PDB file of N, CA and C in Angstrom:
ATOM      1  N   UNK A   1      54.938 112.918 111.639  1.00  0.00           N
ATOM      2  CA  UNK A   1      53.615 112.665 111.076  1.00  0.00           C
ATOM      3  C   UNK A   1      53.373 113.024 110.010  1.00  0.00           C
ATOM      4  N   UNK A   2      53.334 114.542 109.084  1.00  0.00           N
ATOM      5  CA  UNK A   2      52.899 114.930 107.678  1.00  0.00           C
ATOM      6  C   UNK A   2      53.404 114.569 106.623  1.00  0.00           C
ATOM      7  N   UNK A   3      54.383 114.569 107.339  1.00  0.00           N
ATOM      8  CA  UNK A   3      55.417 113.558 106.036  1.00  0.00           C
ATOM      9  C   UNK A   3      55.612 112.666 106.210  1.00  0.00           C
ATOM     10  N   UNK A   4      54.934 111.531 106.650  1.00  0.00           N
ATOM     11  CA  UNK A   4      54.746 110.052 106.319  1.00  0.00           C
ATOM     12  C   UNK A   4      53.469 109.850 105.168  1.00  0.00           C
ATOM     13  N   UNK A   5      51.952 110.981 105.575  1.00  0.00           N
ATOM     14  CA  UNK A   5      51.472 111.289 104.940  1.00  0.00           C
ATOM     15  C   UNK A   5      51.702 111.687 103.633  1.00  0.00           C
ATOM     16  N   UNK A   6      52.740 112.691 104.233  1.00  0.00           N
ATOM     17  CA  UNK A   6      52.430 112.999 102.672  1.00  0.00           C
ATOM     18  C   UNK A   6      53.629 112.316 101.524  1.00  0.00           C
ATOM     19  N   UNK A   7      53.943 111.668 102.413  1.00  0.00           N
ATOM     20  CA  UNK A   7      54.476 110.339 101.663  1.00  0.00           C
ATOM     21  C   UNK A   7      53.867 109.645 100.961  1.00  0.00           C
ATOM     22  N   UNK A   8      53.474 108.211 101.801  1.00  0.00           N
ATOM     23  CA  UNK A   8      51.819 107.500 101.039  1.00  0.00           C
ATOM     24  C   UNK A   8      51.016 108.171 100.357  1.00  0.00           C
ATOM     25  N   UNK A   9      51.098 108.877 100.375  1.00  0.00           N
ATOM     26  CA  UNK A   9      49.727 110.027 100.026  1.00  0.00           C
ATOM     27  C   UNK A   9      50.800 110.054  98.306  1.00  0.00           C
ATOM     28  N   UNK A  10      52.189 110.249  98.110  1.00  0.00           N
ATOM     29  CA  UNK A  10      52.692 109.961  96.684  1.00  0.00           C
ATOM     30  C   UNK A  10      52.802 108.587  96.051  1.00  0.00           C
ATOM     31  N   UNK A  11      53.161 107.803  96.852  1.00  0.00           N
ATOM     32  CA  UNK A  11      53.792 106.437  96.652  1.00  0.00           C
ATOM     33  C   UNK A  11      52.434 105.720  96.000  1.00  0.00           C
ATOM     34  N   UNK A  12      50.706 105.888  96.722  1.00  0.00           N
ATOM     35  CA  UNK A  12      49.344 105.738  96.503  1.00  0.00           C
ATOM     36  C   UNK A  12      49.634 106.063  94.906  1.00  0.00           C
ATOM     37  N   UNK A  13      49.770 107.841  94.629  1.00  0.00           N
ATOM     38  CA  UNK A  13      49.315 108.993  93.140  1.00  0.00           C
ATOM     39  C   UNK A  13      50.101 107.403  92.408  1.00  0.00           C
ATOM     40  N   UNK A  14      51.559 107.304  92.605  1.00  0.00           N
ATOM     41  CA  UNK A  14      52.982 106.251  91.808  1.00  0.00           C
ATOM     42  C   UNK A  14      52.045 104.756  91.293  1.00  0.00           C
ATOM     43  N   UNK A  15      51.588 104.594  91.893  1.00  0.00           N
ATOM     44  CA  UNK A  15      51.142 103.159  91.999  1.00  0.00           C
ATOM     45  C   UNK A  15      49.825 103.574  91.147  1.00  0.00           C
ATOM     46  N   UNK A  16      48.995 104.450  91.300  1.00  0.00           N
ATOM     47  CA  UNK A  16      47.203 104.331  90.493  1.00  0.00           C
ATOM     48  C   UNK A  16      48.126 104.998  89.096  1.00  0.00           C
ATOM     49  N   UNK A  17      48.922 105.385  88.678  1.00  0.00           N
ATOM     50  CA  UNK A  17      49.620 106.270  87.096  1.00  0.00           C
ATOM     51  C   UNK A  17      49.913 104.528  86.592  1.00  0.00           C
ATOM     52  N   UNK A  18      50.567 103.656  87.667  1.00  0.00           N
ATOM     53  CA  UNK A  18      51.618 102.319  86.378  1.00  0.00           C
ATOM     54  C   UNK A  18      50.408 101.337  86.593  1.00  0.00           C
ATOM     55  N   UNK A  19      50.065 101.782  87.621  1.00  0.00           N
ATOM     56  CA  UNK A  19      48.897 100.621  87.017  1.00  0.00           C
ATOM     57  C   UNK A  19      47.228 101.272  85.738  1.00  0.00           C
ATOM     58  N   UNK A  20      47.870 102.688  85.324  1.00  0.00           N
ATOM     59  CA  UNK A  20      46.345 103.160  84.890  1.00  0.00           C
ATOM     60  C   UNK A  20      47.163 103.591  83.807  1.00  0.00           C
ATOM     61  N   UNK A  21      48.612 103.233  83.503  1.00  0.00           N
ATOM     62  CA  UNK A  21      49.464 103.759  82.527  1.00  0.00           C
ATOM     63  C   UNK A  21      49.381 102.342  81.517  1.00  0.00           C
ATOM     64  N   UNK A  22      48.874 102.063  80.163  1.00  0.00           N
ATOM     65  CA  UNK A  22      48.806 101.168  78.514  1.00  0.00           C
ATOM     66  C   UNK A  22      50.452 100.756  78.836  1.00  0.00           C
ATOM     67  N   UNK A  23      51.216 100.169  78.644  1.00  0.00           N
ATOM     68  CA  UNK A  23      52.967  99.940  78.501  1.00  0.00           C
ATOM     69  C   UNK A  23      54.057 100.458  78.803  1.00  0.00           C
ATOM     70  N   UNK A  24      53.807 100.677  79.990  1.00  0.00           N
ATOM     71  CA  UNK A  24      54.368 101.846  80.266  1.00  0.00           C
ATOM     72  C   UNK A  24      55.744 101.014  81.538  1.00  0.00           C
ATOM     73  N   UNK A  25      57.162 100.938  80.657  1.00  0.00           N
ATOM     74  CA  UNK A  25      57.394  99.531  81.402  1.00  0.00           C
ATOM     75  C   UNK A  25      59.367 100.124  81.764  1.00  0.00           C
ATOM     76  N   UNK A  26      58.849 100.904  82.853  1.00  0.00           N
ATOM     77  CA  UNK A  26      59.714 101.803  83.384  1.00  0.00           C
ATOM     78  C   UNK A  26      60.813 100.855  84.712  1.00  0.00           C
ATOM     79  N   UNK A  27      61.805 101.607  85.217  1.00  0.00           N
ATOM     80  CA  UNK A  27      62.500 100.796  86.355  1.00  0.00           C
ATOM     81  C   UNK A  27      63.297 102.418  86.767  1.00  0.00           C
ATOM     82  N   UNK A  28      63.526 101.800  87.705  1.00  0.00           N
ATOM     83  CA  UNK A  28      64.298 103.211  89.076  1.00  0.00           C
ATOM     84  C   UNK A  28      64.421 102.759  90.048  1.00  0.00           C
ATOM     85  N   UNK A  29      65.552 104.025  90.995  1.00  0.00           N
ATOM     86  CA  UNK A  29      65.419 103.500  92.658  1.00  0.00           C
ATOM     87  C   UNK A  29      65.957 104.935  92.756  1.00  0.00           C
ATOM     88  N   UNK A  30      66.149 104.719  94.324  1.00  0.00           N
ATOM     89  CA  UNK A  30      65.468 105.433  94.682  1.00  0.00           C
ATOM     90  C   UNK A  30      67.165 105.455  95.810  1.00  0.00           C
ATOM     91  N   UNK A  31      67.671 107.148  96.350  1.00  0.00           N
ATOM     92  CA  UNK A  31      69.470 106.441  97.147  1.00  0.00           C
ATOM     93  C   UNK A  31      69.199 107.773  98.446  1.00  0.00           C
ATOM     94  N   UNK A  32      68.815 107.443  99.631  1.00  0.00           N
ATOM     95  CA  UNK A  32      68.219 107.941 100.679  1.00  0.00           C
ATOM     96  C   UNK A  32      70.345 109.040 100.587  1.00  0.00           C
ATOM     97  N   UNK A  33      70.058 109.897 101.763  1.00  0.00           N
ATOM     98  CA  UNK A  33      71.131 110.581 101.526  1.00  0.00           C
ATOM     99  C   UNK A  33      72.494 110.025 101.744  1.00  0.00           C
ATOM    100  N   UNK A  34      72.289 109.051 103.038  1.00  0.00           N
ATOM    101  CA  UNK A  34      72.712 108.459 103.055  1.00  0.00           C
ATOM    102  C   UNK A  34      73.793 106.533 102.608  1.00  0.00           C
ATOM    103  N   UNK A  35      72.943 106.523 100.877  1.00  0.00           N
ATOM    104  CA  UNK A  35      72.683 105.897 100.406  1.00  0.00           C
ATOM    105  C   UNK A  35      73.615 106.045  99.375  1.00  0.00           C
ATOM    106  N   UNK A  36      74.493 106.943  98.656  1.00  0.00           N
ATOM    107  CA  UNK A  36      75.470 106.884  97.831  1.00  0.00           C
ATOM    108  C   UNK A  36      76.587 106.597  97.198  1.00  0.00           C
ATOM    109  N   UNK A  37      76.312 106.545  96.461  1.00  0.00           N
ATOM    110  CA  UNK A  37      78.059 105.445  95.459  1.00  0.00           C
ATOM    111  C   UNK A  37      79.223 107.097  95.390  1.00  0.00           C
ATOM    112  N   UNK A  38      79.972 105.814  96.200  1.00  0.00           N
ATOM    113  CA  UNK A  38      81.263 107.051  96.506  1.00  0.00           C
ATOM    114  C   UNK A  38      82.557 106.057  95.804  1.00  0.00           C
ATOM    115  N   UNK A  39      83.178 107.299  95.153  1.00  0.00           N
ATOM    116  CA  UNK A  39      84.489 107.236  93.579  1.00  0.00           C
ATOM    117  C   UNK A  39      85.363 107.580  94.817  1.00  0.00           C
ATOM    118  N   UNK A  40      87.114 106.879  93.754  1.00  0.00           N
ATOM    119  CA  UNK A  40      87.800 107.174  94.084  1.00  0.00           C
ATOM    120  C   UNK A  40      88.365 107.558  92.798  1.00  0.00           C
ATOM    121  N   UNK A  41      89.559 107.884  93.253  1.00  0.00           N
ATOM    122  CA  UNK A  41      90.182 108.321  92.120  1.00  0.00           C
ATOM    123  C   UNK A  41      91.431 106.977  92.232  1.00  0.00           C
ATOM    124  N   UNK A  42      91.547 106.520  90.970  1.00  0.00           N
ATOM    125  CA  UNK A  42      93.068 105.405  91.005  1.00  0.00           C
ATOM    126  C   UNK A  42      92.900 105.100  89.596  1.00  0.00           C
ATOM    127  N   UNK A  43      95.028 104.515  89.751  1.00  0.00           N
ATOM    128  CA  UNK A  43      95.288 103.797  88.528  1.00  0.00           C
ATOM    129  C   UNK A  43      95.721 103.466  88.058  1.00  0.00           C
ATOM    130  N   UNK A  44      95.935 103.348  86.416  1.00  0.00           N
ATOM    131  CA  UNK A  44      95.217 101.783  85.879  1.00  0.00           C
ATOM    132  C   UNK A  44      96.986 101.307  86.286  1.00  0.00           C
ATOM    133  N   UNK A  45      97.206 100.521  86.955  1.00  0.00           N
ATOM    134  CA  UNK A  45      98.752  99.397  85.919  1.00  0.00           C
ATOM    135  C   UNK A  45      98.622  98.326  85.843  1.00  0.00           C
ATOM    136  N   UNK A  46      97.779  97.991  85.120  1.00  0.00           N
ATOM    137  CA  UNK A  46      98.265  97.138  83.860  1.00  0.00           C
ATOM    138  C   UNK A  46      97.074  96.514  83.358  1.00  0.00           C
ATOM    139  N   UNK A  47      96.688  95.894  81.956  1.00  0.00           N
ATOM    140  CA  UNK A  47      95.417  95.080  81.396  1.00  0.00           C
ATOM    141  C   UNK A  47      95.627  93.707  82.479  1.00  0.00           C
ATOM    142  N   UNK A  48      94.584  93.190  82.608  1.00  0.00           N
ATOM    143  CA  UNK A  48      93.813  91.520  82.898  1.00  0.00           C
ATOM    144  C   UNK A  48      93.994  90.929  81.409  1.00  0.00           C
ATOM    145  N   UNK A  49      92.470  91.957  81.378  1.00  0.00           N
ATOM    146  CA  UNK A  49      91.815  90.984  79.908  1.00  0.00           C
ATOM    147  C   UNK A  49      91.062  91.323  79.653  1.00  0.00           C
ATOM    148  N   UNK A  50      90.849  90.982  79.003  1.00  0.00           N
ATOM    149  CA  UNK A  50      89.986  92.068  77.954  1.00  0.00           C
ATOM    150  C   UNK A  50      89.461  93.581  78.372  1.00  0.00           C
ATOM    151  N   UNK A  51      87.950  93.883  79.050  1.00  0.00           N
ATOM    152  CA  UNK A  51      88.033  95.644  79.200  1.00  0.00           C
ATOM    153  C   UNK A  51      88.267  95.497  80.753  1.00  0.00           C
ATOM    154  N   UNK A  52      89.084  94.573  81.226  1.00  0.00           N
ATOM    155  CA  UNK A  52      89.213  94.375  82.961  1.00  0.00           C
ATOM    156  C   UNK A  52      90.534  95.372  82.986  1.00  0.00           C
ATOM    157  N   UNK A  53      91.335  95.854  83.981  1.00  0.00           N
ATOM    158  CA  UNK A  53      92.323  95.970  83.964  1.00  0.00           C
ATOM    159  C   UNK A  53      92.785  96.330  85.782  1.00  0.00           C
ATOM    160  N   UNK A  54      94.132  96.659  86.772  1.00  0.00           N
ATOM    161  CA  UNK A  54      94.357  95.608  87.616  1.00  0.00           C
ATOM    162  C   UNK A  54      94.649  96.672  87.793  1.00  0.00           C
ATOM    163  N   UNK A  55      94.820  98.233  88.751  1.00  0.00           N
ATOM    164  CA  UNK A  55      94.250  99.434  89.072  1.00  0.00           C
ATOM    165  C   UNK A  55      94.650  99.214  90.390  1.00  0.00           C
ATOM    166  N   UNK A  56      94.869 100.710  91.193  1.00  0.00           N
ATOM    167  CA  UNK A  56      95.792 101.545  92.352  1.00  0.00           C
ATOM    168  C   UNK A  56      94.666 101.904  93.027  1.00  0.00           C
ATOM    169  N   UNK A  57      93.951 102.383  93.922  1.00  0.00           N
ATOM    170  CA  UNK A  57      93.457 104.058  94.559  1.00  0.00           C
ATOM    171  C   UNK A  57      95.219 105.124  94.961  1.00  0.00           C
ATOM    172  N   UNK A  58      94.735 106.515  94.070  1.00  0.00           N
ATOM    173  CA  UNK A  58      95.828 107.257  95.047  1.00  0.00           C
ATOM    174  C   UNK A  58      95.357 107.817  95.766  1.00  0.00           C
ATOM    175  N   UNK A  59      95.986 109.506  96.129  1.00  0.00           N
ATOM    176  CA  UNK A  59      95.995 109.394  96.701  1.00  0.00           C
ATOM    177  C   UNK A  59      96.520 111.079  96.855  1.00  0.00           C
ATOM    178  N   UNK A  60      95.661 112.104  95.851  1.00  0.00           N
ATOM    179  CA  UNK A  60      96.204 113.502  95.419  1.00  0.00           C
ATOM    180  C   UNK A  60      95.954 114.609  97.236  1.00  0.00           C
ATOM    181  N   UNK A  61      98.041 114.133  97.131  1.00  0.00           N
ATOM    182  CA  UNK A  61      97.955 115.553  98.245  1.00  0.00           C
ATOM    183  C   UNK A  61      98.665 117.098  98.498  1.00  0.00           C
ATOM    184  N   UNK A  62      98.754 117.044  97.034  1.00  0.00           N
ATOM    185  CA  UNK A  62      99.499 118.940  96.502  1.00  0.00           C
ATOM    186  C   UNK A  62      98.735 118.699  94.781  1.00  0.00           C
ATOM    187  N   UNK A  63      97.667 119.879  94.672  1.00  0.00           N
ATOM    188  CA  UNK A  63      98.227 120.508  93.833  1.00  0.00           C
ATOM    189  C   UNK A  63      98.798 120.270  93.008  1.00  0.00           C
ATOM    190  N   UNK A  64      99.068 120.147  91.863  1.00  0.00           N
ATOM    191  CA  UNK A  64     100.320 119.856  90.671  1.00  0.00           C
ATOM    192  C   UNK A  64     101.251 118.648  91.554  1.00  0.00           C
ATOM    193  N   UNK A  65     101.581 118.722  92.126  1.00  0.00           N
ATOM    194  CA  UNK A  65     102.422 116.758  92.786  1.00  0.00           C
ATOM    195  C   UNK A  65     101.242 115.585  91.390  1.00  0.00           C
ATOM    196  N   UNK A  66     102.183 115.091  91.642  1.00  0.00           N
ATOM    197  CA  UNK A  66     101.943 113.337  91.440  1.00  0.00           C
ATOM    198  C   UNK A  66     101.442 112.248  92.037  1.00  0.00           C
ATOM    199  N   UNK A  67     100.211 112.340  91.947  1.00  0.00           N
ATOM    200  CA  UNK A  67      99.461 111.778  93.070  1.00  0.00           C
ATOM    201  C   UNK A  67     100.764 109.879  93.460  1.00  0.00           C
ATOM    202  N   UNK A  68     100.034 110.059  95.072  1.00  0.00           N
ATOM    203  CA  UNK A  68     100.931 109.147  95.431  1.00  0.00           C
ATOM    204  C   UNK A  68     100.330 107.270  95.021  1.00  0.00           C
ATOM    205  N   UNK A  69     100.307 106.634  94.651  1.00  0.00           N
ATOM    206  CA  UNK A  69      99.892 105.468  94.883  1.00  0.00           C
ATOM    207  C   UNK A  69      99.660 104.704  95.996  1.00  0.00           C
ATOM    208  N   UNK A  70      98.608 104.046  96.615  1.00  0.00           N
ATOM    209  CA  UNK A  70      97.675 103.608  97.990  1.00  0.00           C
ATOM    210  C   UNK A  70      96.957 102.442  97.796  1.00  0.00           C
ATOM    211  N   UNK A  71      97.110 101.141  98.770  1.00  0.00           N
ATOM    212  CA  UNK A  71      96.312 100.453  98.431  1.00  0.00           C
ATOM    213  C   UNK A  71      96.463  99.416  98.395  1.00  0.00           C
ATOM    214  N   UNK A  72      95.237  98.538  98.383  1.00  0.00           N
ATOM    215  CA  UNK A  72      95.983  96.796  97.367  1.00  0.00           C
ATOM    216  C   UNK A  72      95.314  96.878  95.957  1.00  0.00           C
ATOM    217  N   UNK A  73      95.950  96.134  94.802  1.00  0.00           N
ATOM    218  CA  UNK A  73      95.777  96.071  93.555  1.00  0.00           C
ATOM    219  C   UNK A  73      93.913  95.273  94.024  1.00  0.00           C
ATOM    220  N   UNK A  74      93.787  95.558  92.786  1.00  0.00           N
ATOM    221  CA  UNK A  74      92.244  95.362  92.401  1.00  0.00           C
ATOM    222  C   UNK A  74      91.900  95.172  90.753  1.00  0.00           C
ATOM    223  N   UNK A  75      90.669  94.578  90.211  1.00  0.00           N
ATOM    224  CA  UNK A  75      91.195  94.657  89.954  1.00  0.00           C
ATOM    225  C   UNK A  75      89.058  95.547  88.942  1.00  0.00           C
ATOM    226  N   UNK A  76      89.218  96.297  87.200  1.00  0.00           N
ATOM    227  CA  UNK A  76      88.289  96.825  87.781  1.00  0.00           C
ATOM    228  C   UNK A  76      88.035  97.015  85.945  1.00  0.00           C
ATOM    229  N   UNK A  77      86.797  97.478  85.212  1.00  0.00           N
ATOM    230  CA  UNK A  77      85.853  97.021  84.249  1.00  0.00           C
ATOM    231  C   UNK A  77      86.156  98.408  83.983  1.00  0.00           C
ATOM    232  N   UNK A  78      86.619  97.853  82.322  1.00  0.00           N
ATOM    233  CA  UNK A  78      86.433  99.554  81.621  1.00  0.00           C
ATOM    234  C   UNK A  78      84.800  99.128  80.587  1.00  0.00           C
ATOM    235  N   UNK A  79      83.722 100.274  81.457  1.00  0.00           N
ATOM    236  CA  UNK A  79      82.357  99.920  80.666  1.00  0.00           C
ATOM    237  C   UNK A  79      82.240 100.743  78.966  1.00  0.00           C
ATOM    238  N   UNK A  80      83.274 101.500  78.941  1.00  0.00           N
ATOM    239  CA  UNK A  80      84.026 102.232  78.560  1.00  0.00           C
ATOM    240  C   UNK A  80      84.426 101.093  76.154  1.00  0.00           C
ATOM    241  N   UNK A  81      84.254 101.017  76.522  1.00  0.00           N
ATOM    242  CA  UNK A  81      85.200  99.944  75.565  1.00  0.00           C
ATOM    243  C   UNK A  81      84.284  98.536  75.729  1.00  0.00           C
ATOM    244  N   UNK A  82      84.605  97.631  74.356  1.00  0.00           N
ATOM    245  CA  UNK A  82      83.259  96.157  74.477  1.00  0.00           C
ATOM    246  C   UNK A  82      83.413  94.978  75.081  1.00  0.00           C
ATOM    247  N   UNK A  83      82.977  94.789  75.593  1.00  0.00           N
ATOM    248  CA  UNK A  83      83.288  93.589  76.181  1.00  0.00           C
ATOM    249  C   UNK A  83      83.591  91.856  75.938  1.00  0.00           C
ATOM    250  N   UNK A  84      83.679  92.406  74.935  1.00  0.00           N
ATOM    251  CA  UNK A  84      84.675  91.387  73.997  1.00  0.00           C
ATOM    252  C   UNK A  84      85.248  91.012  73.073  1.00  0.00           C
ATOM    253  N   UNK A  85      86.082  92.361  73.312  1.00  0.00           N
ATOM    254  CA  UNK A  85      87.298  92.970  72.343  1.00  0.00           C
ATOM    255  C   UNK A  85      88.242  93.312  73.207  1.00  0.00           C
ATOM    256  N   UNK A  86      89.570  93.172  72.985  1.00  0.00           N
ATOM    257  CA  UNK A  86      91.567  93.236  73.981  1.00  0.00           C
ATOM    258  C   UNK A  86      91.202  94.759  74.329  1.00  0.00           C
ATOM    259  N   UNK A  87      90.735  95.584  75.843  1.00  0.00           N
ATOM    260  CA  UNK A  87      91.201  96.575  75.831  1.00  0.00           C
ATOM    261  C   UNK A  87      92.024  98.327  74.592  1.00  0.00           C
ATOM    262  N   UNK A  88      91.659  99.031  75.163  1.00  0.00           N
ATOM    263  CA  UNK A  88      92.992  99.175  74.455  1.00  0.00           C
ATOM    264  C   UNK A  88      93.897 101.344  75.815  1.00  0.00           C
ATOM    265  N   UNK A  89      93.437 100.711  76.346  1.00  0.00           N
ATOM    266  CA  UNK A  89      94.147 101.381  77.695  1.00  0.00           C
ATOM    267  C   UNK A  89      94.749 101.439  78.420  1.00  0.00           C
ATOM    268  N   UNK A  90      95.639 102.550  77.298  1.00  0.00           N
ATOM    269  CA  UNK A  90      97.343 102.426  78.120  1.00  0.00           C
ATOM    270  C   UNK A  90      97.423 102.026  79.629  1.00  0.00           C
ATOM    271  N   UNK A  91      98.272 102.483  80.200  1.00  0.00           N
ATOM    272  CA  UNK A  91      98.726 101.994  82.002  1.00  0.00           C
ATOM    273  C   UNK A  91      99.535 103.726  82.378  1.00  0.00           C
ATOM    274  N   UNK A  92      99.116 103.660  83.255  1.00  0.00           N
ATOM    275  CA  UNK A  92      99.376 104.559  83.948  1.00  0.00           C
ATOM    276  C   UNK A  92      98.110 106.190  83.763  1.00  0.00           C
ATOM    277  N   UNK A  93      97.308 105.507  83.334  1.00  0.00           N
ATOM    278  CA  UNK A  93      96.120 107.053  83.190  1.00  0.00           C
ATOM    279  C   UNK A  93      94.836 106.634  84.404  1.00  0.00           C
ATOM    280  N   UNK A  94      94.667 107.773  84.596  1.00  0.00           N
ATOM    281  CA  UNK A  94      94.037 107.808  86.077  1.00  0.00           C
ATOM    282  C   UNK A  94      93.058 108.055  86.024  1.00  0.00           C
ATOM    283  N   UNK A  95      92.361 107.919  86.794  1.00  0.00           N
ATOM    284  CA  UNK A  95      89.842 107.355  86.039  1.00  0.00           C
ATOM    285  C   UNK A  95      90.005 107.304  87.793  1.00  0.00           C
ATOM    286  N   UNK A  96      88.020 107.383  87.376  1.00  0.00           N
ATOM    287  CA  UNK A  96      87.390 107.420  88.596  1.00  0.00           C
ATOM    288  C   UNK A  96      86.936 107.008  88.821  1.00  0.00           C
ATOM    289  N   UNK A  97      86.821 106.035  89.908  1.00  0.00           N
ATOM    290  CA  UNK A  97      86.100 104.341  90.497  1.00  0.00           C
ATOM    291  C   UNK A  97      85.105 104.099  90.942  1.00  0.00           C
ATOM    292  N   UNK A  98      84.063 102.872  90.770  1.00  0.00           N
ATOM    293  CA  UNK A  98      82.927 102.893  91.898  1.00  0.00           C
ATOM    294  C   UNK A  98      82.519 101.561  91.651  1.00  0.00           C
ATOM    295  N   UNK A  99      81.802 101.585  92.774  1.00  0.00           N
ATOM    296  CA  UNK A  99      82.044 100.021  93.572  1.00  0.00           C
ATOM    297  C   UNK A  99      80.859  99.427  93.132  1.00  0.00           C
ATOM    298  N   UNK A 100      80.121  98.781  92.536  1.00  0.00           N
ATOM    299  CA  UNK A 100      78.395  98.485  91.921  1.00  0.00           C
ATOM    300  C   UNK A 100      78.682  96.874  92.327  1.00  0.00           C
ATOM    301  N   UNK A 101      77.801  96.670  93.320  1.00  0.00           N
ATOM    302  CA  UNK A 101      77.452  95.611  92.761  1.00  0.00           C
ATOM    303  C   UNK A 101      79.357  95.450  93.531  1.00  0.00           C
ATOM    304  N   UNK A 102      79.638  93.675  92.975  1.00  0.00           N
ATOM    305  CA  UNK A 102      80.548  92.896  92.983  1.00  0.00           C
ATOM    306  C   UNK A 102      81.974  93.796  92.179  1.00  0.00           C
ATOM    307  N   UNK A 103      81.443  94.833  92.050  1.00  0.00           N
ATOM    308  CA  UNK A 103      82.508  95.939  90.574  1.00  0.00           C
ATOM    309  C   UNK A 103      83.307  96.896  90.912  1.00  0.00           C
ATOM    310  N   UNK A 104      84.048  96.849  90.387  1.00  0.00           N
ATOM    311  CA  UNK A 104      84.798  98.152  90.055  1.00  0.00           C
ATOM    312  C   UNK A 104      84.736  98.775  89.133  1.00  0.00           C
ATOM    313  N   UNK A 105      83.424  99.514  88.968  1.00  0.00           N
ATOM    314  CA  UNK A 105      83.535 100.477  87.572  1.00  0.00           C
ATOM    315  C   UNK A 105      84.242 101.471  87.205  1.00  0.00           C
ATOM    316  N   UNK A 106      84.545 101.439  85.805  1.00  0.00           N
ATOM    317  CA  UNK A 106      84.749 103.596  85.169  1.00  0.00           C
ATOM    318  C   UNK A 106      84.230 103.033  84.420  1.00  0.00           C
ATOM    319  N   UNK A 107      84.455 104.551  84.021  1.00  0.00           N
ATOM    320  CA  UNK A 107      83.393 104.857  82.497  1.00  0.00           C
ATOM    321  C   UNK A 107      85.450 105.580  81.600  1.00  0.00           C
ATOM    322  N   UNK A 108      86.304 105.047  80.743  1.00  0.00           N
ATOM    323  CA  UNK A 108      87.301 105.776  79.752  1.00  0.00           C
ATOM    324  C   UNK A 108      87.370 106.036  78.946  1.00  0.00           C
ATOM    325  N   UNK A 109      86.511 106.436  77.599  1.00  0.00           N
ATOM    326  CA  UNK A 109      86.467 106.867  76.200  1.00  0.00           C
ATOM    327  C   UNK A 109      88.828 106.308  76.052  1.00  0.00           C
ATOM    328  N   UNK A 110      88.691 105.078  74.804  1.00  0.00           N
ATOM    329  CA  UNK A 110      89.960 105.528  74.460  1.00  0.00           C
ATOM    330  C   UNK A 110      89.965 106.003  73.140  1.00  0.00           C
TER     331      UNK A 110
END
């Protein structure tokens, strides 16, 4: 009960600050412990188009061994590359993929 009361007070305080702050436009999001975004390791199979790539998930079995490709091929976007030009990420690269909304995304500077 005390936690709900403290949380309600904090929420009211933030709302009051937002009303009183001149010209402050910020957005944020809060996730709970169960609401996290999970990532997985994948291998780039080929380029799809522009900065989109065909990737497959990999499983790391033994340290120092080559990861095993598993799962189906999915299309993922490299947000480190321009959306208006062709990407340069070579096939065979390993990346960490996150699912955000309907897209699989990763950041791999070239």
